[in-house]
Amino acid sequence: MKLFEITQASGAKLSVFAAGFDEAAGIFTAWYANHHDDYLSGFEVAERNPSWSGLNTEQLREALALNISGVGRYGPDKGWTILPTNAPVGDT
């Protein structure tokens, strides 16, 4: 399992847990279709380095060890929550 950062053409970003780039792109497009009525104009998929500064590496390692694919939401007190693509946008 890996952490990916999806950057939309608008600049908005979304974290995705997936096994690879193709799965991350599929999770993102499913999430986008479930939450937006407009056309997806484009996006970029980048793999995040798990030791990237600014990330709580212990919480990230715990989330990666779950081996669950989905949309990642981070809260400093809770760590990572991995949601299905059809979860409401505000869910954490």
C-alpha atoms as a PDB file:
ATOM      1  CA  MET A   1       0.000   0.000   0.000  1.00  0.00           C
ATOM      2  CA  LYS A   2       1.176   3.521  -0.828  1.00  0.00           C
ATOM      3  CA  LEU A   3       0.000   7.077  -0.267  1.00  0.00           C
ATOM      4  CA  PHE A   4      -0.732   9.137  -3.370  1.00  0.00           C
ATOM      5  CA  GLU A   5      -1.553  12.810  -3.739  1.00  0.00           C
ATOM      6  CA  ILE A   6      -4.009  13.655  -6.487  1.00  0.00           C
ATOM      7  CA  THR A   7      -3.835  17.221  -7.796  1.00  0.00           C
ATOM      8  CA  GLN A   8      -6.793  18.370  -9.861  1.00  0.00           C
ATOM      9  CA  ALA A   9      -6.456  20.883 -12.697  1.00  0.00           C
ATOM     10  CA  SER A  10      -8.045  23.433 -10.314  1.00  0.00           C
ATOM     11  CA  GLY A  11      -5.192  22.863  -7.829  1.00  0.00           C
ATOM     12  CA  ALA A  12      -7.371  21.034  -5.274  1.00  0.00           C
ATOM     13  CA  LYS A  13      -5.633  18.022  -3.704  1.00  0.00           C
ATOM     14  CA  LEU A  14      -6.835  14.687  -2.373  1.00  0.00           C
ATOM     15  CA  SER A  15      -4.923  11.925  -0.576  1.00  0.00           C
ATOM     16  CA  VAL A  16      -5.502   8.359  -1.780  1.00  0.00           C
ATOM     17  CA  PHE A  17      -4.264   5.048  -0.379  1.00  0.00           C
ATOM     18  CA  ALA A  18      -3.724   2.515  -3.175  1.00  0.00           C
ATOM     19  CA  ALA A  19      -1.422  -0.267  -4.342  1.00  0.00           C
ATOM     20  CA  GLY A  20      -0.305   1.649  -7.437  1.00  0.00           C
ATOM     21  CA  PHE A  21      -0.866   4.613  -9.759  1.00  0.00           C
ATOM     22  CA  ASP A  22      -3.687   2.979 -11.754  1.00  0.00           C
ATOM     23  CA  GLU A  23      -5.635   2.070  -8.633  1.00  0.00           C
ATOM     24  CA  ALA A  24      -5.094   5.576  -7.195  1.00  0.00           C
ATOM     25  CA  ALA A  25      -6.421   7.146 -10.417  1.00  0.00           C
ATOM     26  CA  GLY A  26      -9.440   4.808 -10.372  1.00  0.00           C
ATOM     27  CA  ILE A  27     -10.228   5.611  -6.734  1.00  0.00           C
ATOM     28  CA  PHE A  28      -9.975   9.327  -7.470  1.00  0.00           C
ATOM     29  CA  THR A  29     -12.209   9.224 -10.557  1.00  0.00           C
ATOM     30  CA  ALA A  30     -14.821   7.191  -8.632  1.00  0.00           C
ATOM     31  CA  TRP A  31     -14.633   9.672  -5.729  1.00  0.00           C
ATOM     32  CA  TYR A  32     -14.965  12.616  -8.131  1.00  0.00           C
ATOM     33  CA  ALA A  33     -17.971  11.070  -9.900  1.00  0.00           C
ATOM     34  CA  ASN A  34     -19.675  10.499  -6.528  1.00  0.00           C
ATOM     35  CA  HIS A  35     -19.156  14.093  -5.356  1.00  0.00           C
ATOM     36  CA  HIS A  36     -19.274  16.354  -8.414  1.00  0.00           C
ATOM     37  CA  ASP A  37     -21.749  16.977 -11.204  1.00  0.00           C
ATOM     38  CA  ASP A  38     -19.256  18.579 -13.569  1.00  0.00           C
ATOM     39  CA  TYR A  39     -16.720  17.151 -16.000  1.00  0.00           C
ATOM     40  CA  LEU A  40     -13.337  16.106 -14.611  1.00  0.00           C
ATOM     41  CA  SER A  41     -10.932  18.252 -16.623  1.00  0.00           C
ATOM     42  CA  GLY A  42      -7.708  16.563 -15.606  1.00  0.00           C
ATOM     43  CA  PHE A  43      -5.544  15.511 -12.697  1.00  0.00           C
ATOM     44  CA  GLU A  44      -2.045  14.416 -11.719  1.00  0.00           C
ATOM     45  CA  VAL A  45      -1.121  11.439  -9.552  1.00  0.00           C
ATOM     46  CA  ALA A  46       2.037  11.608  -7.430  1.00  0.00           C
ATOM     47  CA  GLU A  47       3.299   9.045  -4.950  1.00  0.00           C
ATOM     48  CA  ARG A  48       4.076  10.595  -1.560  1.00  0.00           C
ATOM     49  CA  ASN A  49       7.278   9.612   0.181  1.00  0.00           C
ATOM     50  CA  PRO A  50       6.243   8.132   3.559  1.00  0.00           C
ATOM     51  CA  SER A  51       9.106   9.988   5.252  1.00  0.00           C
ATOM     52  CA  TRP A  52       8.229  13.338   3.642  1.00  0.00           C
ATOM     53  CA  SER A  53       8.688  16.101   6.207  1.00  0.00           C
ATOM     54  CA  GLY A  54       5.443  17.446   7.594  1.00  0.00           C
ATOM     55  CA  LEU A  55       3.800  14.009   7.720  1.00  0.00           C
ATOM     56  CA  ASN A  56       3.424  12.154  10.999  1.00  0.00           C
ATOM     57  CA  THR A  57       5.366   9.090   9.875  1.00  0.00           C
ATOM     58  CA  GLU A  58       4.163   6.855  12.709  1.00  0.00           C
ATOM     59  CA  GLN A  59       0.504   7.543  11.913  1.00  0.00           C
ATOM     60  CA  LEU A  60       1.179   7.056   8.205  1.00  0.00           C
ATOM     61  CA  ARG A  61       2.951   3.726   8.765  1.00  0.00           C
ATOM     62  CA  GLU A  62      -0.049   2.568  10.818  1.00  0.00           C
ATOM     63  CA  ALA A  63      -2.458   3.545   8.028  1.00  0.00           C
ATOM     64  CA  LEU A  64      -0.328   1.886   5.335  1.00  0.00           C
ATOM     65  CA  ALA A  65      -0.119  -1.309   7.420  1.00  0.00           C
ATOM     66  CA  LEU A  66      -3.935  -1.600   7.300  1.00  0.00           C
ATOM     67  CA  ASN A  67      -3.568  -2.377   3.576  1.00  0.00           C
ATOM     68  CA  ILE A  68      -6.878  -0.650   2.767  1.00  0.00           C
ATOM     69  CA  SER A  69      -7.464   1.298  -0.438  1.00  0.00           C
ATOM     70  CA  GLY A  70      -9.537   4.482  -0.410  1.00  0.00           C
ATOM     71  CA  VAL A  71      -9.603   8.231   0.112  1.00  0.00           C
ATOM     72  CA  GLY A  72      -7.382   9.391   2.959  1.00  0.00           C
ATOM     73  CA  ARG A  73      -8.410  12.037   5.468  1.00  0.00           C
ATOM     74  CA  TYR A  74      -5.915  13.206   8.070  1.00  0.00           C
ATOM     75  CA  GLY A  75      -6.572  14.658  11.501  1.00  0.00           C
ATOM     76  CA  PRO A  76      -3.642  15.403  13.820  1.00  0.00           C
ATOM     77  CA  ASP A  77      -5.408  13.878  16.826  1.00  0.00           C
ATOM     78  CA  LYS A  78      -6.838  10.851  15.009  1.00  0.00           C
ATOM     79  CA  GLY A  79      -4.268  10.128  12.340  1.00  0.00           C
ATOM     80  CA  TRP A  80      -5.439   8.773   8.990  1.00  0.00           C
ATOM     81  CA  THR A  81      -8.958   7.620   8.217  1.00  0.00           C
ATOM     82  CA  ILE A  82      -9.397   5.738   4.953  1.00  0.00           C
ATOM     83  CA  LEU A  83     -12.847   6.199   3.436  1.00  0.00           C
ATOM     84  CA  PRO A  84     -14.656   4.562   0.525  1.00  0.00           C
ATOM     85  CA  THR A  85     -15.153   6.706  -2.583  1.00  0.00           C
ATOM     86  CA  ASN A  86     -18.853   7.258  -1.864  1.00  0.00           C
ATOM     87  CA  ALA A  87     -18.388   8.594   1.697  1.00  0.00           C
ATOM     88  CA  PRO A  88     -19.715  12.130   2.196  1.00  0.00           C
ATOM     89  CA  VAL A  89     -17.098  14.802   1.557  1.00  0.00           C
ATOM     90  CA  GLY A  90     -17.120  16.048   5.168  1.00  0.00           C
ATOM     91  CA  ASP A  91     -16.642  12.607   6.749  1.00  0.00           C
ATOM     92  CA  THR A  92     -13.440  12.088   8.726  1.00  0.00           C
END
